[in-house]
């Protein structure tokens, strides 16, 4: 599986979950595309995917693995609590978990694991509250 295939599959799964949770498609951004924050009264999300290990050989065979991390920051209007952001993050995590279900295992060995969140991110200058969900992933290289 190439880096582009991995990125496309994980970003598609994540985007569908965000839309189902109520984030407008035009308010979903990626770490490889310019982010334009939504108005303070609107929710938006940023999907970030990083590759940590390009490929490593598995003992005894010529198969390699690509490893990385997938993170989503969900920005919701401030002073309304964490509930909305946590709900959106939970919806995303459920779809990441679904990828690992026995009947839906990727033919290319794409798996998600080590889930974290929803976590509240410390306040910053943005006019939004931020929640985060993250996981690591592995896929067969090649």
N, C-alpha and C. Protein backbone atom coordinates (compact mmCIF):
# COMPACT_ATOMS: atom_id res chain seq x y z
N UNK A 1 0.86 -1.16 0.00
CA UNK A 1 0.00 0.00 0.00
C UNK A 1 0.91 1.23 0.00
N UNK A 2 0.63 2.19 -0.85
CA UNK A 2 1.45 3.39 -0.92
C UNK A 2 1.00 4.40 0.14
N UNK A 3 1.86 5.38 0.37
CA UNK A 3 1.51 6.44 1.31
C UNK A 3 0.23 7.16 0.87
N UNK A 4 0.09 7.40 -0.42
CA UNK A 4 -1.09 8.09 -0.92
C UNK A 4 -2.36 7.25 -0.71
N UNK A 5 -2.27 5.93 -0.91
CA UNK A 5 -3.43 5.06 -0.69
C UNK A 5 -3.84 5.05 0.78
N UNK A 6 -2.85 4.99 1.67
CA UNK A 6 -3.13 5.01 3.10
C UNK A 6 -3.81 6.32 3.48
N UNK A 7 -3.22 7.43 3.03
CA UNK A 7 -3.79 8.75 3.33
C UNK A 7 -5.22 8.84 2.81
N UNK A 8 -5.45 8.41 1.58
CA UNK A 8 -6.78 8.50 0.98
C UNK A 8 -7.80 7.67 1.77
N UNK A 9 -7.45 6.44 2.14
CA UNK A 9 -8.39 5.59 2.85
C UNK A 9 -8.73 6.14 4.23
N UNK A 10 -7.70 6.55 4.98
CA UNK A 10 -7.94 7.05 6.33
C UNK A 10 -8.65 8.40 6.33
N UNK A 11 -8.28 9.29 5.40
CA UNK A 11 -8.95 10.58 5.33
C UNK A 11 -10.40 10.43 4.90
N UNK A 12 -10.69 9.49 4.00
CA UNK A 12 -12.07 9.26 3.55
C UNK A 12 -12.93 8.75 4.70
N UNK A 13 -12.42 7.76 5.44
CA UNK A 13 -13.15 7.23 6.59
C UNK A 13 -13.43 8.34 7.60
N UNK A 14 -12.43 9.15 7.87
CA UNK A 14 -12.55 10.22 8.86
C UNK A 14 -13.51 11.30 8.38
N UNK A 15 -13.41 11.68 7.12
CA UNK A 15 -14.30 12.71 6.58
C UNK A 15 -15.76 12.26 6.66
N UNK A 16 -16.04 11.02 6.30
CA UNK A 16 -17.42 10.52 6.36
C UNK A 16 -17.96 10.57 7.79
N UNK A 17 -17.13 10.20 8.76
CA UNK A 17 -17.56 10.24 10.17
C UNK A 17 -17.84 11.67 10.61
N UNK A 18 -16.98 12.61 10.22
CA UNK A 18 -17.17 14.01 10.59
C UNK A 18 -18.47 14.56 10.00
N UNK A 19 -18.72 14.25 8.75
CA UNK A 19 -19.95 14.74 8.10
C UNK A 19 -21.18 14.14 8.79
N UNK A 20 -21.13 12.85 9.08
CA UNK A 20 -22.25 12.19 9.77
C UNK A 20 -22.48 12.82 11.15
N UNK A 21 -21.40 13.30 11.79
CA UNK A 21 -21.51 13.91 13.12
C UNK A 21 -21.92 15.38 13.04
N UNK A 22 -22.12 15.91 11.83
CA UNK A 22 -22.62 17.27 11.70
C UNK A 22 -21.63 18.32 11.28
N UNK A 23 -20.39 17.95 10.97
CA UNK A 23 -19.41 18.93 10.49
C UNK A 23 -19.64 19.10 8.98
N UNK A 24 -19.79 20.32 8.54
CA UNK A 24 -20.02 20.59 7.12
C UNK A 24 -18.77 20.23 6.31
N UNK A 25 -18.94 19.66 5.12
CA UNK A 25 -17.78 19.28 4.30
C UNK A 25 -16.80 20.43 4.05
N UNK A 26 -17.33 21.64 3.88
CA UNK A 26 -16.44 22.78 3.64
C UNK A 26 -15.72 23.24 4.90
N UNK A 27 -16.04 22.63 6.04
CA UNK A 27 -15.37 22.94 7.30
C UNK A 27 -14.47 21.80 7.76
N UNK A 28 -14.07 20.94 6.83
CA UNK A 28 -13.13 19.85 7.13
C UNK A 28 -11.85 20.16 6.37
N UNK A 29 -10.74 20.20 7.12
CA UNK A 29 -9.45 20.56 6.54
C UNK A 29 -8.44 19.45 6.80
N UNK A 30 -7.36 19.46 6.06
CA UNK A 30 -6.33 18.42 6.13
C UNK A 30 -4.98 19.07 6.37
N UNK A 31 -4.06 18.29 6.96
CA UNK A 31 -2.75 18.86 7.26
C UNK A 31 -1.95 19.18 5.99
N UNK A 32 -2.40 18.67 4.84
CA UNK A 32 -1.69 18.99 3.61
C UNK A 32 -2.46 19.98 2.74
N UNK A 33 -3.47 20.63 3.32
CA UNK A 33 -4.27 21.64 2.63
C UNK A 33 -4.48 22.81 3.59
N UNK A 34 -4.50 24.01 3.07
CA UNK A 34 -4.62 25.20 3.92
C UNK A 34 -5.88 25.18 4.77
N UNK A 35 -5.70 25.49 6.03
CA UNK A 35 -6.82 25.55 6.98
C UNK A 35 -7.40 26.96 7.00
N UNK A 36 -8.73 27.05 6.88
CA UNK A 36 -9.43 28.32 6.99
C UNK A 36 -10.45 28.16 8.09
N UNK A 37 -10.16 28.64 9.29
CA UNK A 37 -11.09 28.44 10.41
C UNK A 37 -12.50 28.95 10.10
N UNK A 38 -13.48 28.21 10.60
CA UNK A 38 -14.87 28.62 10.45
C UNK A 38 -15.18 29.76 11.40
N UNK A 39 -16.32 30.38 11.21
CA UNK A 39 -16.76 31.45 12.11
C UNK A 39 -16.85 30.92 13.54
N UNK A 40 -16.72 31.79 14.54
CA UNK A 40 -16.75 31.36 15.94
C UNK A 40 -18.02 30.60 16.34
N UNK A 41 -19.09 30.77 15.58
CA UNK A 41 -20.35 30.09 15.91
C UNK A 41 -20.49 28.74 15.19
N UNK A 42 -19.50 28.36 14.40
CA UNK A 42 -19.57 27.13 13.62
C UNK A 42 -18.48 26.14 14.04
N UNK A 43 -18.76 24.86 13.81
CA UNK A 43 -17.81 23.80 14.10
C UNK A 43 -16.98 23.50 12.87
N UNK A 44 -15.68 23.23 13.09
CA UNK A 44 -14.83 22.76 11.99
C UNK A 44 -13.83 21.75 12.54
N UNK A 45 -13.17 21.04 11.62
CA UNK A 45 -12.24 19.99 12.03
C UNK A 45 -11.00 20.01 11.15
N UNK A 46 -9.88 19.59 11.74
CA UNK A 46 -8.62 19.46 11.01
C UNK A 46 -8.12 18.04 11.18
N UNK A 47 -7.93 17.34 10.06
CA UNK A 47 -7.41 15.97 10.05
C UNK A 47 -5.92 16.05 9.76
N UNK A 48 -5.11 15.44 10.62
CA UNK A 48 -3.65 15.42 10.43
C UNK A 48 -3.17 13.99 10.41
N UNK A 49 -2.45 13.63 9.36
CA UNK A 49 -1.92 12.29 9.22
C UNK A 49 -0.41 12.41 9.05
N UNK A 50 0.34 11.65 9.84
CA UNK A 50 1.80 11.66 9.77
C UNK A 50 2.32 10.25 9.64
N UNK A 51 3.32 10.07 8.82
CA UNK A 51 3.98 8.77 8.68
C UNK A 51 5.21 8.77 9.58
N UNK A 52 5.26 7.82 10.52
CA UNK A 52 6.36 7.76 11.48
C UNK A 52 7.50 6.87 11.01
N UNK A 53 7.16 5.76 10.37
CA UNK A 53 8.16 4.82 9.88
C UNK A 53 7.82 4.52 8.43
N UNK A 54 8.74 4.74 7.53
CA UNK A 54 8.46 4.52 6.11
C UNK A 54 8.19 3.06 5.83
N UNK A 55 9.11 2.20 6.20
CA UNK A 55 8.91 0.75 6.01
C UNK A 55 9.96 0.04 6.84
N UNK A 56 9.60 -1.12 7.35
CA UNK A 56 10.57 -1.93 8.07
C UNK A 56 10.31 -3.39 7.72
N UNK A 57 11.35 -4.14 7.65
CA UNK A 57 11.22 -5.53 7.28
C UNK A 57 10.69 -6.35 8.44
N UNK A 58 9.80 -7.27 8.14
CA UNK A 58 9.30 -8.19 9.14
C UNK A 58 10.22 -9.41 9.13
N UNK A 59 10.60 -9.88 10.29
CA UNK A 59 11.52 -11.02 10.36
C UNK A 59 11.00 -12.20 9.58
N UNK A 60 11.85 -12.77 8.76
CA UNK A 60 11.52 -14.00 8.06
C UNK A 60 10.81 -13.83 6.74
N UNK A 61 10.46 -12.62 6.36
CA UNK A 61 9.81 -12.43 5.05
C UNK A 61 10.12 -11.03 4.54
N UNK A 62 9.76 -10.77 3.33
CA UNK A 62 10.08 -9.50 2.71
C UNK A 62 8.95 -8.47 2.80
N UNK A 63 8.03 -8.69 3.71
CA UNK A 63 6.95 -7.73 3.88
C UNK A 63 7.39 -6.59 4.78
N UNK A 64 7.01 -5.41 4.43
CA UNK A 64 7.31 -4.26 5.26
C UNK A 64 6.03 -3.64 5.77
N UNK A 65 6.18 -2.76 6.72
CA UNK A 65 5.04 -2.06 7.27
C UNK A 65 5.28 -0.56 7.22
N UNK A 66 4.21 0.16 7.02
CA UNK A 66 4.23 1.62 7.14
C UNK A 66 3.44 1.95 8.39
N UNK A 67 4.01 2.78 9.23
CA UNK A 67 3.36 3.16 10.48
C UNK A 67 3.18 4.66 10.53
N UNK A 68 2.15 5.09 11.25
CA UNK A 68 1.92 6.51 11.38
C UNK A 68 0.89 6.83 12.44
N UNK A 69 0.53 8.11 12.50
CA UNK A 69 -0.47 8.58 13.45
C UNK A 69 -1.52 9.40 12.71
N UNK A 70 -2.73 9.33 13.22
CA UNK A 70 -3.86 10.04 12.66
C UNK A 70 -4.51 10.82 13.80
N UNK A 71 -4.70 12.12 13.61
CA UNK A 71 -5.24 12.99 14.64
C UNK A 71 -6.33 13.87 14.04
N UNK A 72 -7.37 14.09 14.80
CA UNK A 72 -8.41 15.03 14.39
C UNK A 72 -8.64 16.01 15.53
N UNK A 73 -8.53 17.29 15.22
CA UNK A 73 -8.91 18.35 16.14
C UNK A 73 -10.28 18.85 15.71
N UNK A 74 -11.21 18.90 16.65
CA UNK A 74 -12.56 19.37 16.39
C UNK A 74 -12.74 20.68 17.15
N UNK A 75 -13.05 21.73 16.42
CA UNK A 75 -13.21 23.06 16.99
C UNK A 75 -14.70 23.41 17.04
N UNK A 76 -15.20 23.66 18.24
CA UNK A 76 -16.61 24.00 18.43
C UNK A 76 -16.69 25.38 19.10
N UNK A 77 -17.86 26.05 19.02
CA UNK A 77 -18.00 27.36 19.66
C UNK A 77 -17.67 27.29 21.15
N UNK A 78 -16.97 28.31 21.65
CA UNK A 78 -16.61 28.36 23.07
C UNK A 78 -17.83 28.64 23.93
N UNK A 79 -17.68 28.36 25.22
CA UNK A 79 -18.68 28.63 26.26
C UNK A 79 -19.94 27.80 26.07
N UNK A 80 -19.81 26.64 25.42
CA UNK A 80 -20.96 25.75 25.25
C UNK A 80 -20.64 24.34 25.74
N UNK A 81 -19.53 24.19 26.44
CA UNK A 81 -19.14 22.90 26.97
C UNK A 81 -18.42 22.02 25.94
N UNK A 82 -17.97 20.87 26.41
CA UNK A 82 -17.21 19.95 25.56
C UNK A 82 -18.06 18.92 24.85
N UNK A 83 -19.35 18.86 25.17
CA UNK A 83 -20.21 17.80 24.67
C UNK A 83 -20.20 17.62 23.16
N UNK A 84 -20.38 18.71 22.41
CA UNK A 84 -20.44 18.59 20.96
C UNK A 84 -19.12 18.06 20.40
N UNK A 85 -18.01 18.65 20.81
CA UNK A 85 -16.70 18.21 20.31
C UNK A 85 -16.41 16.76 20.68
N UNK A 86 -16.77 16.38 21.90
CA UNK A 86 -16.56 14.99 22.32
C UNK A 86 -17.41 14.03 21.51
N UNK A 87 -18.65 14.42 21.20
CA UNK A 87 -19.52 13.57 20.38
C UNK A 87 -18.95 13.37 18.98
N UNK A 88 -18.47 14.44 18.38
CA UNK A 88 -17.88 14.35 17.05
C UNK A 88 -16.64 13.44 17.09
N UNK A 89 -15.79 13.64 18.09
CA UNK A 89 -14.58 12.81 18.22
C UNK A 89 -14.94 11.34 18.42
N UNK A 90 -15.96 11.08 19.20
CA UNK A 90 -16.38 9.69 19.44
C UNK A 90 -16.87 9.04 18.16
N UNK A 91 -17.59 9.78 17.34
CA UNK A 91 -18.08 9.26 16.05
C UNK A 91 -16.90 8.88 15.15
N UNK A 92 -15.88 9.72 15.14
CA UNK A 92 -14.67 9.45 14.34
C UNK A 92 -13.98 8.18 14.86
N UNK A 93 -13.79 8.09 16.17
CA UNK A 93 -13.12 6.93 16.76
C UNK A 93 -13.87 5.63 16.45
N UNK A 94 -15.20 5.68 16.47
CA UNK A 94 -15.98 4.48 16.14
C UNK A 94 -15.72 4.02 14.72
N UNK A 95 -15.59 4.95 13.78
CA UNK A 95 -15.30 4.55 12.41
C UNK A 95 -13.88 4.02 12.27
N UNK A 96 -12.95 4.58 13.03
CA UNK A 96 -11.59 4.04 13.01
C UNK A 96 -11.58 2.62 13.56
N UNK A 97 -12.33 2.38 14.62
CA UNK A 97 -12.44 1.03 15.19
C UNK A 97 -13.10 0.08 14.21
N UNK A 98 -14.10 0.55 13.50
CA UNK A 98 -14.82 -0.27 12.53
C UNK A 98 -13.89 -0.82 11.46
N UNK A 99 -12.86 -0.06 11.12
CA UNK A 99 -11.88 -0.51 10.13
C UNK A 99 -11.27 -1.85 10.52
N UNK A 100 -11.19 -2.10 11.82
CA UNK A 100 -10.55 -3.31 12.32
C UNK A 100 -11.50 -4.50 12.49
N UNK A 101 -12.80 -4.30 12.26
CA UNK A 101 -13.76 -5.40 12.42
C UNK A 101 -13.41 -6.55 11.48
N UNK A 102 -13.61 -7.76 11.95
CA UNK A 102 -13.20 -8.96 11.22
C UNK A 102 -13.71 -8.98 9.78
N UNK A 103 -14.94 -8.54 9.54
CA UNK A 103 -15.49 -8.61 8.20
C UNK A 103 -15.06 -7.45 7.31
N UNK A 104 -14.40 -6.45 7.90
CA UNK A 104 -14.03 -5.27 7.12
C UNK A 104 -12.52 -5.04 7.10
N UNK A 105 -11.76 -6.05 7.39
CA UNK A 105 -10.31 -5.87 7.42
C UNK A 105 -9.81 -5.49 6.04
N UNK A 106 -9.02 -4.46 5.98
CA UNK A 106 -8.47 -3.97 4.72
C UNK A 106 -7.60 -5.05 4.09
N UNK A 107 -7.74 -5.30 2.79
CA UNK A 107 -6.90 -6.29 2.13
C UNK A 107 -5.42 -5.91 2.14
N UNK A 108 -5.14 -4.65 2.42
CA UNK A 108 -3.76 -4.18 2.47
C UNK A 108 -3.21 -4.11 3.89
N UNK A 109 -3.92 -4.71 4.82
CA UNK A 109 -3.43 -4.78 6.19
C UNK A 109 -3.52 -3.48 6.96
N UNK A 110 -4.34 -2.53 6.52
CA UNK A 110 -4.47 -1.27 7.24
C UNK A 110 -5.22 -1.50 8.55
N UNK A 111 -4.60 -1.13 9.65
CA UNK A 111 -5.19 -1.31 10.98
C UNK A 111 -4.99 -0.04 11.80
N UNK A 112 -5.96 0.25 12.66
CA UNK A 112 -5.83 1.36 13.60
C UNK A 112 -5.71 0.79 15.00
N UNK A 113 -4.98 1.48 15.86
CA UNK A 113 -4.80 1.03 17.24
C UNK A 113 -4.37 2.20 18.12
N UNK A 114 -4.25 1.95 19.41
CA UNK A 114 -3.76 2.94 20.38
C UNK A 114 -4.58 4.24 20.34
N UNK A 115 -5.87 4.10 20.55
CA UNK A 115 -6.78 5.24 20.49
C UNK A 115 -6.62 6.13 21.72
N UNK A 116 -6.71 7.44 21.51
CA UNK A 116 -6.68 8.41 22.60
C UNK A 116 -7.77 9.45 22.36
N UNK A 117 -8.49 9.77 23.40
CA UNK A 117 -9.48 10.83 23.30
C UNK A 117 -10.89 10.30 23.39
N UNK A 118 -11.84 11.19 23.37
CA UNK A 118 -11.69 12.62 23.11
C UNK A 118 -11.01 13.35 24.27
N UNK A 119 -10.07 14.18 23.92
CA UNK A 119 -9.30 14.96 24.88
C UNK A 119 -9.59 16.44 24.65
N UNK A 120 -9.70 17.20 25.72
CA UNK A 120 -9.85 18.64 25.60
C UNK A 120 -8.45 19.25 25.48
N UNK A 121 -8.26 20.06 24.46
CA UNK A 121 -6.98 20.74 24.24
C UNK A 121 -7.02 22.06 24.99
N UNK A 122 -5.91 22.42 25.59
CA UNK A 122 -5.83 23.67 26.36
C UNK A 122 -6.28 24.85 25.51
N UNK A 123 -6.97 25.80 26.11
CA UNK A 123 -7.46 26.96 25.36
C UNK A 123 -6.32 27.72 24.68
N UNK A 124 -6.62 28.25 23.51
CA UNK A 124 -5.66 29.12 22.84
C UNK A 124 -6.38 30.36 22.36
N UNK A 125 -5.76 31.13 21.50
CA UNK A 125 -6.33 32.40 21.06
C UNK A 125 -7.52 32.23 20.10
N UNK A 126 -7.72 31.03 19.59
CA UNK A 126 -8.84 30.83 18.67
C UNK A 126 -10.17 31.02 19.40
N UNK A 127 -11.18 31.43 18.66
CA UNK A 127 -12.49 31.62 19.29
C UNK A 127 -13.28 30.32 19.42
N UNK A 128 -12.58 29.20 19.39
CA UNK A 128 -13.22 27.89 19.46
C UNK A 128 -12.66 27.07 20.63
N UNK A 129 -13.47 26.15 21.10
CA UNK A 129 -13.04 25.12 22.04
C UNK A 129 -12.51 23.97 21.19
N UNK A 130 -11.47 23.28 21.64
CA UNK A 130 -10.87 22.22 20.83
C UNK A 130 -10.86 20.89 21.57
N UNK A 131 -11.40 19.86 20.89
CA UNK A 131 -11.30 18.48 21.35
C UNK A 131 -10.48 17.70 20.33
N UNK A 132 -9.84 16.64 20.79
CA UNK A 132 -8.94 15.87 19.94
C UNK A 132 -9.19 14.39 20.11
N UNK A 133 -9.04 13.65 19.01
CA UNK A 133 -9.03 12.19 19.05
C UNK A 133 -7.87 11.76 18.15
N UNK A 134 -7.18 10.69 18.56
CA UNK A 134 -6.00 10.25 17.80
C UNK A 134 -5.86 8.74 17.87
N UNK A 135 -5.14 8.22 16.90
CA UNK A 135 -4.79 6.80 16.90
C UNK A 135 -3.52 6.62 16.09
N UNK A 136 -2.92 5.47 16.23
CA UNK A 136 -1.82 5.10 15.35
C UNK A 136 -2.35 4.09 14.36
N UNK A 137 -1.60 3.88 13.28
CA UNK A 137 -2.02 2.92 12.27
C UNK A 137 -0.82 2.19 11.69
N UNK A 138 -1.07 1.04 11.13
CA UNK A 138 -0.07 0.27 10.38
C UNK A 138 -0.72 -0.21 9.09
N UNK A 139 0.10 -0.39 8.06
CA UNK A 139 -0.37 -0.94 6.80
C UNK A 139 0.79 -1.68 6.14
N UNK A 140 0.46 -2.62 5.29
CA UNK A 140 1.48 -3.34 4.54
C UNK A 140 2.10 -2.40 3.53
N UNK A 141 3.41 -2.40 3.45
CA UNK A 141 4.12 -1.54 2.50
C UNK A 141 4.17 -2.23 1.14
N UNK A 142 4.18 -1.39 0.12
CA UNK A 142 4.39 -1.94 -1.20
C UNK A 142 3.34 -1.70 -2.18
